[in-house]
Structures are given as C-alpha cells and as structure tokens.
C-alpha atoms as a PDB file:
ATOM      1  CA  MET A   1     -10.537  22.618 -38.713  1.00  0.00           C
ATOM      2  CA  LYS A   2      -8.768  19.263 -39.050  1.00  0.00           C
ATOM      3  CA  LYS A   3      -5.879  21.090 -40.747  1.00  0.00           C
ATOM      4  CA  ILE A   4      -5.643  23.456 -37.744  1.00  0.00           C
ATOM      5  CA  PHE A   5      -5.442  20.450 -35.423  1.00  0.00           C
ATOM      6  CA  ILE A   6      -2.637  18.849 -37.506  1.00  0.00           C
ATOM      7  CA  LEU A   7      -0.662  22.104 -37.855  1.00  0.00           C
ATOM      8  CA  PHE A   8      -0.892  22.741 -34.111  1.00  0.00           C
ATOM      9  CA  PHE A   9       0.497  19.286 -33.363  1.00  0.00           C
ATOM     10  CA  ALA A  10       3.322  19.706 -35.904  1.00  0.00           C
ATOM     11  CA  PHE A  11       4.331  23.071 -34.448  1.00  0.00           C
ATOM     12  CA  ILE A  12       4.665  21.899 -30.870  1.00  0.00           C
ATOM     13  CA  SER A  13       6.287  18.602 -31.899  1.00  0.00           C
ATOM     14  CA  PHE A  14       9.251  20.198 -33.671  1.00  0.00           C
ATOM     15  CA  ASN A  15       9.819  22.975 -31.159  1.00  0.00           C
ATOM     16  CA  MET A  16      12.945  22.635 -28.963  1.00  0.00           C
ATOM     17  CA  LEU A  17      14.139  19.243 -30.338  1.00  0.00           C
ATOM     18  CA  GLY A  18      17.655  18.062 -29.590  1.00  0.00           C
ATOM     19  CA  GLN A  19      18.150  19.798 -26.237  1.00  0.00           C
ATOM     20  CA  LYS A  20      19.785  17.770 -23.436  1.00  0.00           C
ATOM     21  CA  ASN A  21      18.895  19.884 -20.425  1.00  0.00           C
ATOM     22  CA  PRO A  22      15.587  18.884 -18.754  1.00  0.00           C
ATOM     23  CA  GLU A  23      14.466  22.525 -18.735  1.00  0.00           C
ATOM     24  CA  ASN A  24      15.246  22.920 -22.449  1.00  0.00           C
ATOM     25  CA  SER A  25      14.095  19.494 -23.601  1.00  0.00           C
ATOM     26  CA  LEU A  26      10.515  19.283 -24.895  1.00  0.00           C
ATOM     27  CA  GLY A  27       8.850  16.288 -23.266  1.00  0.00           C
ATOM     28  CA  VAL A  28       5.544  14.640 -24.024  1.00  0.00           C
ATOM     29  CA  TRP A  29       2.679  13.125 -22.054  1.00  0.00           C
ATOM     30  CA  TYR A  30       0.841  10.249 -23.764  1.00  0.00           C
ATOM     31  CA  MET A  31      -2.561  10.093 -22.105  1.00  0.00           C
ATOM     32  CA  TYR A  32      -5.663   7.905 -21.940  1.00  0.00           C
ATOM     33  CA  GLY A  33      -8.883   8.914 -20.189  1.00  0.00           C
ATOM     34  CA  GLY A  34     -12.046   6.852 -19.835  1.00  0.00           C
ATOM     35  CA  SER A  35     -15.499   7.616 -18.433  1.00  0.00           C
ATOM     36  CA  PHE A  36     -18.010   4.776 -18.165  1.00  0.00           C
ATOM     37  CA  GLU A  37     -21.537   5.802 -17.145  1.00  0.00           C
ATOM     38  CA  LEU A  38     -23.043   3.159 -14.870  1.00  0.00           C
ATOM     39  CA  SER A  39     -26.296   5.029 -14.153  1.00  0.00           C
ATOM     40  CA  ASP A  40     -27.703   8.549 -14.330  1.00  0.00           C
ATOM     41  CA  LYS A  41     -25.735   9.395 -11.173  1.00  0.00           C
ATOM     42  CA  TRP A  42     -22.630   7.180 -11.185  1.00  0.00           C
ATOM     43  CA  LYS A  43     -19.593   6.982 -13.474  1.00  0.00           C
ATOM     44  CA  LEU A  44     -16.431   4.906 -13.380  1.00  0.00           C
ATOM     45  CA  LYS A  45     -13.353   7.005 -14.211  1.00  0.00           C
ATOM     46  CA  SER A  46     -10.032   5.626 -15.472  1.00  0.00           C
ATOM     47  CA  LEU A  47      -6.781   7.278 -16.549  1.00  0.00           C
ATOM     48  CA  ALA A  48      -3.288   6.309 -17.694  1.00  0.00           C
ATOM     49  CA  HIS A  49      -0.331   8.634 -18.379  1.00  0.00           C
ATOM     50  CA  PHE A  50       3.114   7.915 -19.784  1.00  0.00           C
ATOM     51  CA  ARG A  51       5.136  11.060 -19.134  1.00  0.00           C
ATOM     52  CA  MET A  52       8.409  11.422 -21.048  1.00  0.00           C
ATOM     53  CA  PHE A  53      11.423  13.699 -20.553  1.00  0.00           C
ATOM     54  CA  ASP A  54      11.706  13.782 -24.369  1.00  0.00           C
ATOM     55  CA  LEU A  55       9.561  12.703 -27.320  1.00  0.00           C
ATOM     56  CA  THR A  56      10.550   9.049 -27.524  1.00  0.00           C
ATOM     57  CA  ASN A  57      12.500   7.033 -24.972  1.00  0.00           C
ATOM     58  CA  ASP A  58      13.259   8.761 -21.635  1.00  0.00           C
ATOM     59  CA  LEU A  59      10.317   7.822 -19.410  1.00  0.00           C
ATOM     60  CA  GLN A  60       9.945  10.149 -16.438  1.00  0.00           C
ATOM     61  CA  GLN A  61       6.769   8.770 -14.890  1.00  0.00           C
ATOM     62  CA  TYR A  62       3.821   6.480 -15.511  1.00  0.00           C
ATOM     63  CA  LEU A  63       0.515   6.852 -13.719  1.00  0.00           C
ATOM     64  CA  TYR A  64      -2.674   4.765 -13.457  1.00  0.00           C
ATOM     65  CA  ARG A  65      -5.802   6.134 -11.778  1.00  0.00           C
ATOM     66  CA  VAL A  66      -9.304   4.804 -11.120  1.00  0.00           C
ATOM     67  CA  GLY A  67     -12.208   6.450  -9.372  1.00  0.00           C
ATOM     68  CA  ALA A  68     -15.958   6.639  -8.882  1.00  0.00           C
ATOM     69  CA  ASN A  69     -17.826   9.835  -9.760  1.00  0.00           C
ATOM     70  CA  TYR A  70     -21.194  10.776  -8.275  1.00  0.00           C
ATOM     71  CA  LYS A  71     -23.313  13.441 -10.020  1.00  0.00           C
ATOM     72  CA  ILE A  72     -25.076  15.673  -7.471  1.00  0.00           C
ATOM     73  CA  ASN A  73     -26.797  17.802 -10.120  1.00  0.00           C
ATOM     74  CA  LYS A  74     -26.004  19.313 -13.536  1.00  0.00           C
ATOM     75  CA  THR A  75     -23.341  21.571 -12.011  1.00  0.00           C
ATOM     76  CA  LEU A  76     -21.819  19.659  -9.089  1.00  0.00           C
ATOM     77  CA  SER A  77     -20.177  16.248  -8.743  1.00  0.00           C
ATOM     78  CA  VAL A  78     -17.709  14.461  -6.461  1.00  0.00           C
ATOM     79  CA  THR A  79     -15.070  11.834  -7.230  1.00  0.00           C
ATOM     80  CA  GLY A  80     -12.968   9.538  -5.066  1.00  0.00           C
ATOM     81  CA  GLY A  81     -10.351   7.006  -6.038  1.00  0.00           C
ATOM     82  CA  TYR A  82      -6.858   5.532  -6.090  1.00  0.00           C
ATOM     83  CA  ALA A  83      -3.728   6.160  -8.203  1.00  0.00           C
ATOM     84  CA  TYR A  84      -0.406   4.378  -8.631  1.00  0.00           C
ATOM     85  CA  LEU A  85       2.710   6.127  -9.957  1.00  0.00           C
ATOM     86  CA  ASN A  86       6.287   5.136 -10.690  1.00  0.00           C
ATOM     87  CA  THR A  87       8.733   8.023 -11.128  1.00  0.00           C
ATOM     88  CA  ASP A  88      12.291   8.233 -12.464  1.00  0.00           C
ATOM     89  CA  ALA A  89      13.525  11.666 -11.410  1.00  0.00           C
ATOM     90  CA  THR A  90      16.825  11.314 -13.296  1.00  0.00           C
ATOM     91  CA  PHE A  91      17.118  12.913 -16.733  1.00  0.00           C
ATOM     92  CA  ASP A  92      18.850  11.119 -19.642  1.00  0.00           C
ATOM     93  CA  VAL A  93      19.966   8.147 -17.475  1.00  0.00           C
ATOM     94  CA  ASP A  94      18.247   5.111 -15.963  1.00  0.00           C
ATOM     95  CA  GLY A  95      17.715   4.912 -12.225  1.00  0.00           C
ATOM     96  CA  GLY A  96      16.008   6.623  -9.329  1.00  0.00           C
ATOM     97  CA  ASN A  97      12.674   4.822  -9.669  1.00  0.00           C
ATOM     98  CA  GLU A  98      10.214   5.411  -6.828  1.00  0.00           C
ATOM     99  CA  ASP A  99       6.765   3.906  -6.263  1.00  0.00           C
ATOM    100  CA  GLU A 100       3.907   6.049  -5.022  1.00  0.00           C
ATOM    101  CA  HIS A 101       0.326   5.302  -4.001  1.00  0.00           C
ATOM    102  CA  ARG A 102      -2.365   7.968  -3.792  1.00  0.00           C
ATOM    103  CA  LEU A 103      -5.879   8.375  -2.511  1.00  0.00           C
ATOM    104  CA  TYR A 104      -7.790  11.392  -3.793  1.00  0.00           C
ATOM    105  CA  GLU A 105     -11.106  13.204  -3.401  1.00  0.00           C
ATOM    106  CA  ASP A 106     -12.423  15.707  -5.949  1.00  0.00           C
ATOM    107  CA  PHE A 107     -15.152  18.335  -5.817  1.00  0.00           C
ATOM    108  CA  ASN A 108     -16.130  19.426  -9.343  1.00  0.00           C
ATOM    109  CA  ILE A 109     -18.091  22.447 -10.567  1.00  0.00           C
ATOM    110  CA  LYS A 110     -19.082  22.850 -14.234  1.00  0.00           C
ATOM    111  CA  HIS A 111     -21.033  25.715 -15.769  1.00  0.00           C
ATOM    112  CA  LYS A 112     -21.264  27.828 -18.926  1.00  0.00           C
ATOM    113  CA  ALA A 113     -21.405  31.490 -19.903  1.00  0.00           C
ATOM    114  CA  SER A 114     -22.857  31.467 -23.413  1.00  0.00           C
ATOM    115  CA  LYS A 115     -20.595  29.011 -25.303  1.00  0.00           C
ATOM    116  CA  LEU A 116     -17.661  29.319 -22.900  1.00  0.00           C
ATOM    117  CA  GLY A 117     -17.413  26.342 -20.557  1.00  0.00           C
ATOM    118  CA  PHE A 118     -15.940  26.610 -17.039  1.00  0.00           C
ATOM    119  CA  ASP A 119     -14.594  23.596 -15.164  1.00  0.00           C
ATOM    120  CA  HIS A 120     -13.413  23.947 -11.543  1.00  0.00           C
ATOM    121  CA  ARG A 121     -11.771  21.028  -9.759  1.00  0.00           C
ATOM    122  CA  PHE A 122     -10.742  21.020  -6.096  1.00  0.00           C
ATOM    123  CA  ARG A 123      -8.630  17.963  -5.247  1.00  0.00           C
ATOM    124  CA  LEU A 124      -7.359  16.644  -1.915  1.00  0.00           C
ATOM    125  CA  GLU A 125      -4.536  14.118  -2.361  1.00  0.00           C
ATOM    126  CA  HIS A 126      -2.879  11.739   0.083  1.00  0.00           C
ATOM    127  CA  ARG A 127       0.487  10.569  -1.288  1.00  0.00           C
ATOM    128  CA  PHE A 128       2.145   7.496   0.202  1.00  0.00           C
ATOM    129  CA  PHE A 129       5.844   6.873  -0.464  1.00  0.00           C
ATOM    130  CA  GLU A 130       8.117   4.209   1.001  1.00  0.00           C
ATOM    131  CA  ARG A 131       9.480   6.535   3.703  1.00  0.00           C
ATOM    132  CA  ASP A 132       7.074   9.459   3.650  1.00  0.00           C
ATOM    133  CA  THR A 133       3.407  10.482   3.525  1.00  0.00           C
ATOM    134  CA  GLN A 134       2.294  13.823   2.091  1.00  0.00           C
ATOM    135  CA  HIS A 135      -1.035  15.632   1.806  1.00  0.00           C
ATOM    136  CA  TRP A 136      -1.703  18.043  -1.062  1.00  0.00           C
ATOM    137  CA  ILE A 137      -4.447  20.407  -2.188  1.00  0.00           C
ATOM    138  CA  ARG A 138      -4.884  21.182  -5.897  1.00  0.00           C
ATOM    139  CA  TYR A 139      -7.169  23.636  -7.689  1.00  0.00           C
ATOM    140  CA  GLN A 140      -7.659  23.573 -11.455  1.00  0.00           C
ATOM    141  CA  LEU A 141      -9.579  26.072 -13.584  1.00  0.00           C
ATOM    142  CA  GLY A 142     -10.345  24.909 -17.115  1.00  0.00           C
ATOM    143  CA  LEU A 143     -11.973  26.862 -19.938  1.00  0.00           C
ATOM    144  CA  SER A 144     -13.286  25.406 -23.206  1.00  0.00           C
ATOM    145  CA  TYR A 145     -14.809  26.951 -26.319  1.00  0.00           C
ATOM    146  CA  PRO A 146     -16.273  25.186 -29.384  1.00  0.00           C
ATOM    147  CA  LEU A 147     -14.718  26.166 -32.715  1.00  0.00           C
ATOM    148  CA  SER A 148     -16.966  23.871 -34.768  1.00  0.00           C
ATOM    149  CA  LYS A 149     -19.161  20.810 -34.261  1.00  0.00           C
ATOM    150  CA  THR A 150     -16.087  18.607 -33.857  1.00  0.00           C
ATOM    151  CA  LEU A 151     -13.267  20.913 -32.739  1.00  0.00           C
ATOM    152  CA  SER A 152     -12.907  22.886 -29.499  1.00  0.00           C
ATOM    153  CA  ALA A 153     -10.140  24.873 -27.823  1.00  0.00           C
ATOM    154  CA  PHE A 154      -9.197  24.656 -24.152  1.00  0.00           C
ATOM    155  CA  VAL A 155      -6.929  26.370 -21.646  1.00  0.00           C
ATOM    156  CA  PHE A 156      -6.246  25.469 -18.015  1.00  0.00           C
ATOM    157  CA  ASP A 157      -4.262  26.428 -14.962  1.00  0.00           C
ATOM    158  CA  GLU A 158      -3.709  24.240 -11.899  1.00  0.00           C
ATOM    159  CA  ILE A 159      -1.965  25.285  -8.710  1.00  0.00           C
ATOM    160  CA  PHE A 160      -0.622  22.843  -6.086  1.00  0.00           C
ATOM    161  CA  PHE A 161      -0.277  23.332  -2.338  1.00  0.00           C
ATOM    162  CA  ASN A 162       1.070  20.935   0.292  1.00  0.00           C
ATOM    163  CA  PHE A 163       1.216  20.737   4.071  1.00  0.00           C
ATOM    164  CA  GLN A 164       4.971  20.039   4.235  1.00  0.00           C
ATOM    165  CA  GLY A 165       7.612  22.774   3.913  1.00  0.00           C
ATOM    166  CA  ASP A 166       6.707  25.633   1.561  1.00  0.00           C
ATOM    167  CA  THR A 167       2.948  25.789   1.069  1.00  0.00           C
ATOM    168  CA  TYR A 168       3.139  26.568  -2.651  1.00  0.00           C
ATOM    169  CA  ALA A 169       4.406  23.505  -4.556  1.00  0.00           C
ATOM    170  CA  GLN A 170       3.994  23.983  -8.315  1.00  0.00           C
ATOM    171  CA  ASN A 171       1.829  25.287 -11.151  1.00  0.00           C
ATOM    172  CA  TRP A 172       0.639  23.735 -14.414  1.00  0.00           C
ATOM    173  CA  ILE A 173      -0.628  25.969 -17.225  1.00  0.00           C
ATOM    174  CA  GLY A 174      -1.466  25.062 -20.802  1.00  0.00           C
ATOM    175  CA  GLY A 175      -3.926  24.831 -23.640  1.00  0.00           C
ATOM    176  CA  GLY A 176      -4.718  23.054 -26.869  1.00  0.00           C
ATOM    177  CA  LEU A 177      -7.385  21.499 -29.071  1.00  0.00           C
ATOM    178  CA  THR A 178      -9.859  18.647 -28.718  1.00  0.00           C
ATOM    179  CA  PHE A 179     -11.248  16.831 -31.780  1.00  0.00           C
ATOM    180  CA  LYS A 180     -14.466  14.809 -31.547  1.00  0.00           C
ATOM    181  CA  ALA A 181     -13.783  11.713 -33.637  1.00  0.00           C
ATOM    182  CA  SER A 182     -17.110  10.032 -32.780  1.00  0.00           C
ATOM    183  CA  ASP A 183     -19.853  10.066 -30.159  1.00  0.00           C
ATOM    184  CA  HIS A 184     -17.578   8.077 -27.852  1.00  0.00           C
ATOM    185  CA  ILE A 185     -14.006   9.109 -28.757  1.00  0.00           C
ATOM    186  CA  LYS A 186     -12.147  12.422 -28.565  1.00  0.00           C
ATOM    187  CA  LEU A 187      -8.550  13.197 -29.487  1.00  0.00           C
ATOM    188  CA  LYS A 188      -6.580  15.814 -27.571  1.00  0.00           C
ATOM    189  CA  ALA A 189      -3.381  17.728 -28.416  1.00  0.00           C
ATOM    190  CA  GLY A 190      -1.943  20.506 -26.298  1.00  0.00           C
ATOM    191  CA  TYR A 191       1.015  22.175 -24.656  1.00  0.00           C
ATOM    192  CA  MET A 192       1.692  22.815 -20.968  1.00  0.00           C
ATOM    193  CA  ASN A 193       4.339  24.335 -18.723  1.00  0.00           C
ATOM    194  CA  ILE A 194       5.173  22.854 -15.310  1.00  0.00           C
ATOM    195  CA  SER A 195       6.909  25.192 -12.906  1.00  0.00           C
ATOM    196  CA  ASN A 196       7.935  25.340  -9.265  1.00  0.00           C
ATOM    197  CA  ASN A 197      10.557  27.245  -7.307  1.00  0.00           C
ATOM    198  CA  ASN A 198      13.404  25.252  -8.868  1.00  0.00           C
ATOM    199  CA  ILE A 199      12.572  24.279 -12.453  1.00  0.00           C
ATOM    200  CA  SER A 200      10.381  24.963 -15.491  1.00  0.00           C
ATOM    201  CA  LEU A 201       9.457  22.110 -17.861  1.00  0.00           C
ATOM    202  CA  ASN A 202       7.681  22.194 -21.239  1.00  0.00           C
ATOM    203  CA  ARG A 203       5.433  19.320 -22.244  1.00  0.00           C
ATOM    204  CA  ILE A 204       3.288  18.282 -25.210  1.00  0.00           C
ATOM    205  CA  GLN A 205       0.040  16.535 -24.294  1.00  0.00           C
ATOM    206  CA  LEU A 206      -1.347  13.875 -26.658  1.00  0.00           C
ATOM    207  CA  GLY A 207      -4.401  11.974 -25.535  1.00  0.00           C
ATOM    208  CA  ILE A 208      -7.408   9.852 -26.377  1.00  0.00           C
ATOM    209  CA  ILE A 209     -10.630  10.089 -24.358  1.00  0.00           C
ATOM    210  CA  PHE A 210     -13.380   7.445 -24.244  1.00  0.00           C
ATOM    211  CA  ASN A 211     -16.905   8.178 -23.003  1.00  0.00           C
ATOM    212  CA  THR A 212     -19.621   5.531 -23.043  1.00  0.00           C
ATOM    213  CA  LYS A 213     -22.795   4.387 -21.284  1.00  0.00           C
ATOM    214  CA  LEU A 214     -23.060   0.954 -19.693  1.00  0.00           C
ATOM    215  CA  HIS A 215     -26.779   1.259 -18.958  1.00  0.00           C
ATOM    216  CA  LYS A 216     -29.964   1.948 -20.885  1.00  0.00           C
END
C-alpha cells in the first residue's frame, strides 16, 4: 500500500509540468492541519495552507485558520473561528497582494454506511477585504474508505455560493490517499480541480495532519 501512495504522488507530480498558462499549469497546495482535543467535547482546530501556482516558487495564496470545535454527539459538531489570507492573483509575476480576514461557522455531520465514511460540512463565511465585505455559503461532501489499516482513499466535492452578484461562485472536486504514519500523524496526497465561470485550475494537495489529546 505504501508503494501505491508513492506511485500516486509521482503520477500527479509529473503531470502537466512546464506549462505557463494558469489553467494549464499544475499547482500545488502544501497543507498543515491540527486537531488538539481539550476535553471530551471541545477541540482546538488549526490549519495552514501555502497554495502555489506551480510546484515550486509562484505563491498564489497563504492561509492561516484557527477555530474551536464543540462535539454535540457522535454524529454532529459545530465549529467557529477566524482565518487570515494573503492572495497574489497575478500568475508568473510578483504583485497584486491583498489581505483578507474571515470569520466562519461550521455545522458538521459525520456518519458511516458499512466501511464508507460520509462527512458533510456546511460553512457560513464572512470575508473582510480592505474595500469590501462578502458573505459566502459553502457545502462540502466528503467520502472516505479504508484500503488497509494504514491507508485510506477519499473523494470530495465542495460548492460555493455568495450573496453578491451571481449566486454560484465556484466548485472544488478531488480525491486522493491518506496514510496513517502513527496514532497522531497522517500524511495526505491528492488532486483537485477548482472551477468557476471563468477558469479551471488543477492542483496537487500534499499535507500533514496532527491529532492529539491534551487531557486525560
């Protein structure tokens, strides 16, 4: 199964190299995710993304997010928090940086059908720019399936709506593999497509996920 994980990463890494159009260039998201259990009900969530136009040196956006998660029961939970983003919308040149602050509220539903895991996330976002404020609604459906004790496959689709202009904003769809390196660390490799009415972008996702308890 480790060989499958490595081959998958190699395949998506070499696909579409050398293209200089943002729609043809294969970008990458380097991702960190952390979940720190404070009690049986409360978790502290943290996230950092470095989102690249290409594989190495053209940074499109970086994002930091923190939040508090409250577990209602085994199926339902809610999360609220804050995120900071800096975005360079220009491809292959420096410039166009814009700061953004966000507040968000999530409603999460998790359940299983046999071994197949379902993860629903409804998110309300409030995005604050220097000259504008926007409000968005996002819905993500995620599916996961264990391939072995340490390896699992996942697919997801997330659709975005806003209250300004056209209601439909964009769609993210993708999938990949998650490898359990230890009881506290998982490694993630995947591929996703980002599309809206104007553009379609292809992205590799490479991430590390920490999960730990801070209580007895």
